[in-house]
Amino acid sequence: MHKLPSEAHSWAREFVADLAAREPLPCDVALAVPYTHLLGMARLALGSPLALAAQDVSANEQGAYTGEVSADMLRDAGASMVVVGHSERRAYHGEDDALIGAKVTRCLQAGLTPILCVGESRDQRDAGEAATVVVKQLQGALQGVAVDTAAQLVVAYEPVWAIGTGLTATADDAQAMCAAVRDELSSLLPDVGGSVRILYGGSMKPANAAELLARPDIDGGLIGGASLERDDLLAIIDSAGA
């Protein structure tokens, strides 16, 4: 929840120009922005390689759900992706795996790609339960969900203890967890799970991006604080081609 729409649009205008100067880009790039920013930023991104994501979505299609925003509304406003089940939604809003699974399904029905977030707390990692927790979250959100192509789903592994704390999992730890995610995806979605993109979302920044992105099961990053600084975000993008 950063930047007023006017501030974000000015930021995005310069960012789109920065991306144009780098084409062809070494990776896909999407910004996950507040609902209020989508329409204006979609106009700025038109004709550019920049995609837009929303930060959440309603599990309901339409109706008397004051304050909610539907998947169809997001798509019409210019989003092609939606972050679902972010750790802050789980912690601050009590979202459970059943609700998150319903949101994943709603995104797929609307033609949006869900970026499904999974991850463990510090206590869970210290107890040796990290992989068990993440696998359970995947099962809860994806059981019975029909994913026909790998492009219809992105999974982001975000160790909760590394978000906004300055702590970062080692590249080996991040790879081990992303490999566990890959194994479970291959089990849950045997036709496409091996090709679903897996992002690492625990304080990725210019200093560690290249090392993390070099690991075989880390296909990209879900960037938090570093995304607010344009130069930092561009440096991470450049790291994808290193």
C-alpha atoms as a PDB file:
ATOM      1  CA  MET A   1       0.000   0.000   0.000  1.00  0.00           C
ATOM      2  CA  HIS A   2       2.417   2.615  -1.325  1.00  0.00           C
ATOM      3  CA  LYS A   3       2.159   5.720  -3.532  1.00  0.00           C
ATOM      4  CA  LEU A   4      -0.875   7.768  -4.495  1.00  0.00           C
ATOM      5  CA  PRO A   5      -2.214   7.067  -7.988  1.00  0.00           C
ATOM      6  CA  SER A   6      -0.624  10.278  -9.308  1.00  0.00           C
ATOM      7  CA  GLU A   7       2.745   9.314  -7.813  1.00  0.00           C
ATOM      8  CA  ALA A   8       2.498   5.765  -9.114  1.00  0.00           C
ATOM      9  CA  HIS A   9       1.601   6.893 -12.623  1.00  0.00           C
ATOM     10  CA  SER A  10       4.612   9.216 -12.759  1.00  0.00           C
ATOM     11  CA  TRP A  11       6.818   6.367 -11.502  1.00  0.00           C
ATOM     12  CA  ALA A  12       5.351   3.941 -14.038  1.00  0.00           C
ATOM     13  CA  ARG A  13       5.801   6.347 -16.953  1.00  0.00           C
ATOM     14  CA  GLU A  14       9.548   6.443 -16.308  1.00  0.00           C
ATOM     15  CA  PHE A  15       9.656   2.699 -15.644  1.00  0.00           C
ATOM     16  CA  VAL A  16       8.003   1.884 -18.972  1.00  0.00           C
ATOM     17  CA  ALA A  17      10.615   4.060 -20.706  1.00  0.00           C
ATOM     18  CA  ASP A  18      13.375   2.211 -18.829  1.00  0.00           C
ATOM     19  CA  LEU A  19      11.962  -1.129 -19.984  1.00  0.00           C
ATOM     20  CA  ALA A  20      11.743   0.071 -23.593  1.00  0.00           C
ATOM     21  CA  ALA A  21      15.437   0.925 -23.497  1.00  0.00           C
ATOM     22  CA  ARG A  22      16.197  -2.650 -22.413  1.00  0.00           C
ATOM     23  CA  GLU A  23      14.129  -4.568 -24.962  1.00  0.00           C
ATOM     24  CA  PRO A  24      14.247  -7.439 -25.496  1.00  0.00           C
ATOM     25  CA  LEU A  25      13.870  -8.004 -21.770  1.00  0.00           C
ATOM     26  CA  PRO A  26      15.509 -11.032 -20.109  1.00  0.00           C
ATOM     27  CA  CYS A  27      12.280 -11.906 -18.269  1.00  0.00           C
ATOM     28  CA  ASP A  28       8.586 -11.154 -18.003  1.00  0.00           C
ATOM     29  CA  VAL A  29       7.820  -8.109 -15.844  1.00  0.00           C
ATOM     30  CA  ALA A  30       4.579  -7.371 -13.992  1.00  0.00           C
ATOM     31  CA  LEU A  31       3.690  -4.796 -11.361  1.00  0.00           C
ATOM     32  CA  ALA A  32       1.173  -5.761  -8.673  1.00  0.00           C
ATOM     33  CA  VAL A  33      -0.538  -2.502  -7.773  1.00  0.00           C
ATOM     34  CA  PRO A  34      -3.470  -1.273  -5.644  1.00  0.00           C
ATOM     35  CA  TYR A  35      -6.890  -1.336  -7.301  1.00  0.00           C
ATOM     36  CA  THR A  36      -6.921   2.464  -7.584  1.00  0.00           C
ATOM     37  CA  HIS A  37      -3.823   2.424  -9.795  1.00  0.00           C
ATOM     38  CA  LEU A  38      -4.853  -0.164 -12.380  1.00  0.00           C
ATOM     39  CA  LEU A  39      -6.731   1.875 -14.991  1.00  0.00           C
ATOM     40  CA  GLY A  40      -4.193   4.673 -15.241  1.00  0.00           C
ATOM     41  CA  MET A  41      -1.208   2.344 -15.268  1.00  0.00           C
ATOM     42  CA  ALA A  42      -2.851   0.107 -17.883  1.00  0.00           C
ATOM     43  CA  ARG A  43      -2.971   3.101 -20.225  1.00  0.00           C
ATOM     44  CA  LEU A  44       0.717   3.805 -19.605  1.00  0.00           C
ATOM     45  CA  ALA A  45       1.657   0.159 -20.159  1.00  0.00           C
ATOM     46  CA  LEU A  46      -0.268  -0.181 -23.420  1.00  0.00           C
ATOM     47  CA  GLY A  47       2.084  -1.416 -26.151  1.00  0.00           C
ATOM     48  CA  SER A  48       4.884  -2.083 -23.663  1.00  0.00           C
ATOM     49  CA  PRO A  49       6.113  -5.409 -22.249  1.00  0.00           C
ATOM     50  CA  LEU A  50       4.839  -4.435 -18.789  1.00  0.00           C
ATOM     51  CA  ALA A  51       1.967  -6.526 -17.406  1.00  0.00           C
ATOM     52  CA  LEU A  52      -0.214  -5.560 -14.447  1.00  0.00           C
ATOM     53  CA  ALA A  53      -1.403  -7.614 -11.502  1.00  0.00           C
ATOM     54  CA  ALA A  54      -3.869  -6.836  -8.735  1.00  0.00           C
ATOM     55  CA  GLN A  55      -2.912  -7.511  -5.123  1.00  0.00           C
ATOM     56  CA  ASP A  56      -6.086  -9.440  -4.247  1.00  0.00           C
ATOM     57  CA  VAL A  57      -9.468 -10.467  -5.647  1.00  0.00           C
ATOM     58  CA  SER A  58     -12.911 -11.416  -4.373  1.00  0.00           C
ATOM     59  CA  ALA A  59     -13.871 -15.084  -4.332  1.00  0.00           C
ATOM     60  CA  ASN A  60     -17.342 -13.997  -5.481  1.00  0.00           C
ATOM     61  CA  GLU A  61     -18.339 -13.384  -9.087  1.00  0.00           C
ATOM     62  CA  GLN A  62     -20.610 -10.391  -8.404  1.00  0.00           C
ATOM     63  CA  GLY A  63     -23.350  -9.253  -6.071  1.00  0.00           C
ATOM     64  CA  ALA A  64     -23.883  -7.573  -2.704  1.00  0.00           C
ATOM     65  CA  TYR A  65     -20.314  -7.759  -1.434  1.00  0.00           C
ATOM     66  CA  THR A  66     -19.557  -4.151  -0.535  1.00  0.00           C
ATOM     67  CA  GLY A  67     -15.861  -3.319  -0.675  1.00  0.00           C
ATOM     68  CA  GLU A  68     -14.959  -6.362  -2.776  1.00  0.00           C
ATOM     69  CA  VAL A  69     -13.500  -6.271  -6.300  1.00  0.00           C
ATOM     70  CA  SER A  70     -14.289  -9.069  -8.737  1.00  0.00           C
ATOM     71  CA  ALA A  71     -11.954 -10.871 -11.123  1.00  0.00           C
ATOM     72  CA  ASP A  72     -13.938  -9.608 -14.125  1.00  0.00           C
ATOM     73  CA  MET A  73     -13.577  -6.025 -12.872  1.00  0.00           C
ATOM     74  CA  LEU A  74      -9.818  -6.472 -12.539  1.00  0.00           C
ATOM     75  CA  ARG A  75      -9.462  -7.918 -16.014  1.00  0.00           C
ATOM     76  CA  ASP A  76     -11.529  -5.086 -17.485  1.00  0.00           C
ATOM     77  CA  ALA A  77      -9.333  -2.546 -15.648  1.00  0.00           C
ATOM     78  CA  GLY A  78      -6.192  -3.946 -17.285  1.00  0.00           C
ATOM     79  CA  ALA A  79      -4.908  -6.657 -14.968  1.00  0.00           C
ATOM     80  CA  SER A  80      -3.780  -9.994 -16.386  1.00  0.00           C
ATOM     81  CA  MET A  81      -2.603 -11.492 -13.082  1.00  0.00           C
ATOM     82  CA  VAL A  82      -3.645 -11.432  -9.403  1.00  0.00           C
ATOM     83  CA  VAL A  83      -1.631 -12.078  -6.242  1.00  0.00           C
ATOM     84  CA  VAL A  84      -3.621 -14.603  -4.189  1.00  0.00           C
ATOM     85  CA  GLY A  85      -2.990 -15.747  -0.622  1.00  0.00           C
ATOM     86  CA  HIS A  86      -0.189 -13.335   0.205  1.00  0.00           C
ATOM     87  CA  SER A  87       1.090 -13.888   3.736  1.00  0.00           C
ATOM     88  CA  GLU A  88      -0.254 -10.488   4.779  1.00  0.00           C
ATOM     89  CA  ARG A  89      -3.740 -11.493   3.623  1.00  0.00           C
ATOM     90  CA  ARG A  90      -3.432 -14.734   5.564  1.00  0.00           C
ATOM     91  CA  ALA A  91      -2.129 -12.996   8.713  1.00  0.00           C
ATOM     92  CA  TYR A  92      -4.147  -9.755   8.789  1.00  0.00           C
ATOM     93  CA  HIS A  93      -7.400 -10.921   7.204  1.00  0.00           C
ATOM     94  CA  GLY A  94      -7.569 -14.540   8.339  1.00  0.00           C
ATOM     95  CA  GLU A  95      -7.634 -16.000   4.833  1.00  0.00           C
ATOM     96  CA  ASP A  96      -7.476 -19.790   4.907  1.00  0.00           C
ATOM     97  CA  ASP A  97      -6.610 -22.316   2.225  1.00  0.00           C
ATOM     98  CA  ALA A  98     -10.267 -22.880   1.286  1.00  0.00           C
ATOM     99  CA  LEU A  99     -10.855 -19.178   0.597  1.00  0.00           C
ATOM    100  CA  ILE A 100      -7.559 -18.883  -1.247  1.00  0.00           C
ATOM    101  CA  GLY A 101      -8.475 -21.895  -3.375  1.00  0.00           C
ATOM    102  CA  ALA A 102     -11.801 -20.252  -4.231  1.00  0.00           C
ATOM    103  CA  LYS A 103      -9.944 -17.120  -5.319  1.00  0.00           C
ATOM    104  CA  VAL A 104      -7.580 -19.184  -7.495  1.00  0.00           C
ATOM    105  CA  THR A 105     -10.587 -20.783  -9.164  1.00  0.00           C
ATOM    106  CA  ARG A 106     -12.268 -17.418  -9.690  1.00  0.00           C
ATOM    107  CA  CYS A 107      -9.123 -16.033 -11.352  1.00  0.00           C
ATOM    108  CA  LEU A 108      -8.901 -18.990 -13.710  1.00  0.00           C
ATOM    109  CA  GLN A 109     -12.567 -18.683 -14.636  1.00  0.00           C
ATOM    110  CA  ALA A 110     -12.021 -15.008 -15.493  1.00  0.00           C
ATOM    111  CA  GLY A 111      -8.913 -15.650 -17.583  1.00  0.00           C
ATOM    112  CA  LEU A 112      -6.526 -14.161 -15.012  1.00  0.00           C
ATOM    113  CA  THR A 113      -3.305 -15.832 -13.900  1.00  0.00           C
ATOM    114  CA  PRO A 114      -3.225 -16.289 -10.104  1.00  0.00           C
ATOM    115  CA  ILE A 115       0.121 -15.788  -8.387  1.00  0.00           C
ATOM    116  CA  LEU A 116      -0.448 -18.192  -5.499  1.00  0.00           C
ATOM    117  CA  CYS A 117       1.664 -17.360  -2.439  1.00  0.00           C
ATOM    118  CA  VAL A 118       2.804 -20.015   0.034  1.00  0.00           C
ATOM    119  CA  GLY A 119       5.319 -19.883   2.874  1.00  0.00           C
ATOM    120  CA  GLU A 120       6.161 -20.736   6.451  1.00  0.00           C
ATOM    121  CA  SER A 121       6.710 -18.691   9.626  1.00  0.00           C
ATOM    122  CA  ARG A 122       9.946 -18.574  11.584  1.00  0.00           C
ATOM    123  CA  ASP A 123       8.522 -20.875  14.276  1.00  0.00           C
ATOM    124  CA  GLN A 124       7.428 -23.394  11.651  1.00  0.00           C
ATOM    125  CA  ARG A 125      10.866 -23.370  10.012  1.00  0.00           C
ATOM    126  CA  ASP A 126      12.639 -23.727  13.370  1.00  0.00           C
ATOM    127  CA  ALA A 127      10.402 -26.705  14.138  1.00  0.00           C
ATOM    128  CA  GLY A 128      11.420 -28.393  10.884  1.00  0.00           C
ATOM    129  CA  GLU A 129       7.918 -28.018   9.438  1.00  0.00           C
ATOM    130  CA  ALA A 130       8.630 -25.648   6.532  1.00  0.00           C
ATOM    131  CA  ALA A 131       8.101 -28.107   3.684  1.00  0.00           C
ATOM    132  CA  THR A 132       5.074 -29.698   5.384  1.00  0.00           C
ATOM    133  CA  VAL A 133       3.394 -26.312   5.834  1.00  0.00           C
ATOM    134  CA  VAL A 134       4.020 -25.230   2.242  1.00  0.00           C
ATOM    135  CA  VAL A 135       2.842 -28.540   0.775  1.00  0.00           C
ATOM    136  CA  LYS A 136      -0.363 -28.316   2.846  1.00  0.00           C
ATOM    137  CA  GLN A 137      -0.991 -24.787   1.559  1.00  0.00           C
ATOM    138  CA  LEU A 138      -0.531 -25.947  -2.034  1.00  0.00           C
ATOM    139  CA  GLN A 139      -2.874 -28.881  -1.511  1.00  0.00           C
ATOM    140  CA  GLY A 140      -5.514 -26.689   0.114  1.00  0.00           C
ATOM    141  CA  ALA A 141      -5.443 -24.085  -2.642  1.00  0.00           C
ATOM    142  CA  LEU A 142      -5.108 -26.361  -5.670  1.00  0.00           C
ATOM    143  CA  GLN A 143      -6.950 -29.563  -4.819  1.00  0.00           C
ATOM    144  CA  GLY A 144      -9.573 -30.051  -7.491  1.00  0.00           C
ATOM    145  CA  VAL A 145      -8.491 -26.942  -9.421  1.00  0.00           C
ATOM    146  CA  ALA A 146      -8.254 -27.433 -13.190  1.00  0.00           C
ATOM    147  CA  VAL A 147      -5.098 -25.905 -14.659  1.00  0.00           C
ATOM    148  CA  ASP A 148      -4.831 -26.731 -18.354  1.00  0.00           C
ATOM    149  CA  THR A 149      -1.526 -24.990 -19.143  1.00  0.00           C
ATOM    150  CA  ALA A 150       1.456 -23.930 -17.060  1.00  0.00           C
ATOM    151  CA  ALA A 151       0.831 -20.310 -18.085  1.00  0.00           C
ATOM    152  CA  GLN A 152      -2.420 -20.325 -16.084  1.00  0.00           C
ATOM    153  CA  LEU A 153      -0.639 -20.477 -12.709  1.00  0.00           C
ATOM    154  CA  VAL A 154       2.345 -18.935 -10.950  1.00  0.00           C
ATOM    155  CA  VAL A 155       3.421 -19.994  -7.447  1.00  0.00           C
ATOM    156  CA  ALA A 156       5.417 -17.674  -5.192  1.00  0.00           C
ATOM    157  CA  TYR A 157       7.317 -19.144  -2.247  1.00  0.00           C
ATOM    158  CA  GLU A 158       7.595 -16.396   0.361  1.00  0.00           C
ATOM    159  CA  PRO A 159       9.164 -17.373   3.687  1.00  0.00           C
ATOM    160  CA  VAL A 160       7.121 -15.199   6.031  1.00  0.00           C
ATOM    161  CA  TRP A 161      10.091 -14.596   8.334  1.00  0.00           C
ATOM    162  CA  ALA A 162      12.040 -13.003   5.456  1.00  0.00           C
ATOM    163  CA  ILE A 163       9.415 -10.434   4.424  1.00  0.00           C
ATOM    164  CA  GLY A 164      10.236  -6.884   5.464  1.00  0.00           C
ATOM    165  CA  THR A 165      12.749  -8.093   8.048  1.00  0.00           C
ATOM    166  CA  GLY A 166      15.915  -7.806   5.994  1.00  0.00           C
ATOM    167  CA  LEU A 167      16.445 -11.538   6.525  1.00  0.00           C
ATOM    168  CA  THR A 168      16.801 -13.710   3.447  1.00  0.00           C
ATOM    169  CA  ALA A 169      16.853 -17.445   3.048  1.00  0.00           C
ATOM    170  CA  THR A 170      20.151 -18.680   1.679  1.00  0.00           C
ATOM    171  CA  ALA A 171      20.083 -19.574  -1.999  1.00  0.00           C
ATOM    172  CA  ASP A 172      20.377 -23.226  -0.987  1.00  0.00           C
ATOM    173  CA  ASP A 173      17.417 -22.985   1.406  1.00  0.00           C
ATOM    174  CA  ALA A 174      15.318 -21.115  -1.170  1.00  0.00           C
ATOM    175  CA  GLN A 175      16.150 -23.691  -3.833  1.00  0.00           C
ATOM    176  CA  ALA A 176      15.293 -26.583  -1.498  1.00  0.00           C
ATOM    177  CA  MET A 177      11.875 -25.104  -0.743  1.00  0.00           C
ATOM    178  CA  CYS A 178      11.161 -24.245  -4.371  1.00  0.00           C
ATOM    179  CA  ALA A 179      12.135 -27.817  -5.307  1.00  0.00           C
ATOM    180  CA  ALA A 180       9.609 -29.086  -2.742  1.00  0.00           C
ATOM    181  CA  VAL A 181       7.013 -26.808  -4.336  1.00  0.00           C
ATOM    182  CA  ARG A 182       7.932 -28.189  -7.763  1.00  0.00           C
ATOM    183  CA  ASP A 183       7.577 -31.781  -6.566  1.00  0.00           C
ATOM    184  CA  GLU A 184       4.135 -31.117  -5.098  1.00  0.00           C
ATOM    185  CA  LEU A 185       2.971 -29.230  -8.183  1.00  0.00           C
ATOM    186  CA  SER A 186       4.043 -32.182 -10.319  1.00  0.00           C
ATOM    187  CA  SER A 187       1.942 -34.430  -8.092  1.00  0.00           C
ATOM    188  CA  LEU A 188      -1.124 -32.187  -7.950  1.00  0.00           C
ATOM    189  CA  LEU A 189      -0.973 -31.119 -11.610  1.00  0.00           C
ATOM    190  CA  PRO A 190       0.832 -33.969 -13.391  1.00  0.00           C
ATOM    191  CA  ASP A 191       0.331 -32.553 -16.885  1.00  0.00           C
ATOM    192  CA  VAL A 192       1.664 -29.040 -16.220  1.00  0.00           C
ATOM    193  CA  GLY A 193       3.135 -28.870 -12.692  1.00  0.00           C
ATOM    194  CA  GLY A 194       6.720 -29.378 -13.822  1.00  0.00           C
ATOM    195  CA  SER A 195       6.545 -26.226 -15.958  1.00  0.00           C
ATOM    196  CA  VAL A 196       4.664 -23.853 -13.642  1.00  0.00           C
ATOM    197  CA  ARG A 197       6.779 -20.805 -12.831  1.00  0.00           C
ATOM    198  CA  ILE A 198       7.944 -20.626  -9.220  1.00  0.00           C
ATOM    199  CA  LEU A 199       8.964 -17.270  -7.771  1.00  0.00           C
ATOM    200  CA  TYR A 200      11.006 -16.560  -4.647  1.00  0.00           C
ATOM    201  CA  GLY A 201       9.512 -13.798  -2.516  1.00  0.00           C
ATOM    202  CA  GLY A 202      11.724 -13.273   0.521  1.00  0.00           C
ATOM    203  CA  SER A 203      13.563  -9.938   0.361  1.00  0.00           C
ATOM    204  CA  MET A 204      15.049 -10.403  -3.101  1.00  0.00           C
ATOM    205  CA  LYS A 205      17.183  -7.386  -3.929  1.00  0.00           C
ATOM    206  CA  PRO A 206      20.001  -6.418  -6.338  1.00  0.00           C
ATOM    207  CA  ALA A 207      22.674  -7.885  -4.062  1.00  0.00           C
ATOM    208  CA  ASN A 208      21.230 -11.418  -4.008  1.00  0.00           C
ATOM    209  CA  ALA A 209      19.019 -11.615  -7.098  1.00  0.00           C
ATOM    210  CA  ALA A 210      21.543 -13.182  -9.472  1.00  0.00           C
ATOM    211  CA  GLU A 211      22.471 -15.940  -7.010  1.00  0.00           C
ATOM    212  CA  LEU A 212      18.828 -16.779  -6.302  1.00  0.00           C
ATOM    213  CA  LEU A 213      17.733 -16.666  -9.933  1.00  0.00           C
ATOM    214  CA  ALA A 214      20.553 -19.002 -10.943  1.00  0.00           C
ATOM    215  CA  ARG A 215      18.981 -21.878  -8.983  1.00  0.00           C
ATOM    216  CA  PRO A 216      17.122 -24.440 -11.117  1.00  0.00           C
ATOM    217  CA  ASP A 217      13.721 -24.236  -9.410  1.00  0.00           C
ATOM    218  CA  ILE A 218      13.633 -20.457  -8.896  1.00  0.00           C
ATOM    219  CA  ASP A 219      12.102 -18.996 -12.034  1.00  0.00           C
ATOM    220  CA  GLY A 220      11.713 -15.408 -10.867  1.00  0.00           C
ATOM    221  CA  GLY A 221      11.048 -13.121  -7.935  1.00  0.00           C
ATOM    222  CA  LEU A 222       8.061 -11.663  -6.114  1.00  0.00           C
ATOM    223  CA  ILE A 223       9.708  -8.359  -5.216  1.00  0.00           C
ATOM    224  CA  GLY A 224       8.562  -6.391  -2.195  1.00  0.00           C
ATOM    225  CA  GLY A 225      10.353  -3.352  -0.805  1.00  0.00           C
ATOM    226  CA  ALA A 226      12.988  -3.274  -3.536  1.00  0.00           C
ATOM    227  CA  SER A 227      10.269  -2.682  -6.137  1.00  0.00           C
ATOM    228  CA  LEU A 228       9.605   0.798  -4.754  1.00  0.00           C
ATOM    229  CA  GLU A 229      13.015   1.976  -5.964  1.00  0.00           C
ATOM    230  CA  ARG A 230      13.045   1.973  -9.749  1.00  0.00           C
ATOM    231  CA  ASP A 231      16.807   1.500 -10.030  1.00  0.00           C
ATOM    232  CA  ASP A 232      16.713  -1.485  -7.660  1.00  0.00           C
ATOM    233  CA  LEU A 233      13.902  -3.133  -9.587  1.00  0.00           C
ATOM    234  CA  LEU A 234      15.695  -2.569 -12.888  1.00  0.00           C
ATOM    235  CA  ALA A 235      18.864  -4.082 -11.411  1.00  0.00           C
ATOM    236  CA  ILE A 236      16.921  -7.197 -10.405  1.00  0.00           C
ATOM    237  CA  ILE A 237      15.451  -7.439 -13.901  1.00  0.00           C
ATOM    238  CA  ASP A 238      18.941  -7.171 -15.352  1.00  0.00           C
ATOM    239  CA  SER A 239      20.053  -9.963 -13.032  1.00  0.00           C
ATOM    240  CA  ALA A 240      17.613 -12.321 -14.761  1.00  0.00           C
ATOM    241  CA  GLY A 241      19.756 -12.135 -17.867  1.00  0.00           C
ATOM    242  CA  ALA A 242      23.090 -12.503 -16.102  1.00  0.00           C
END
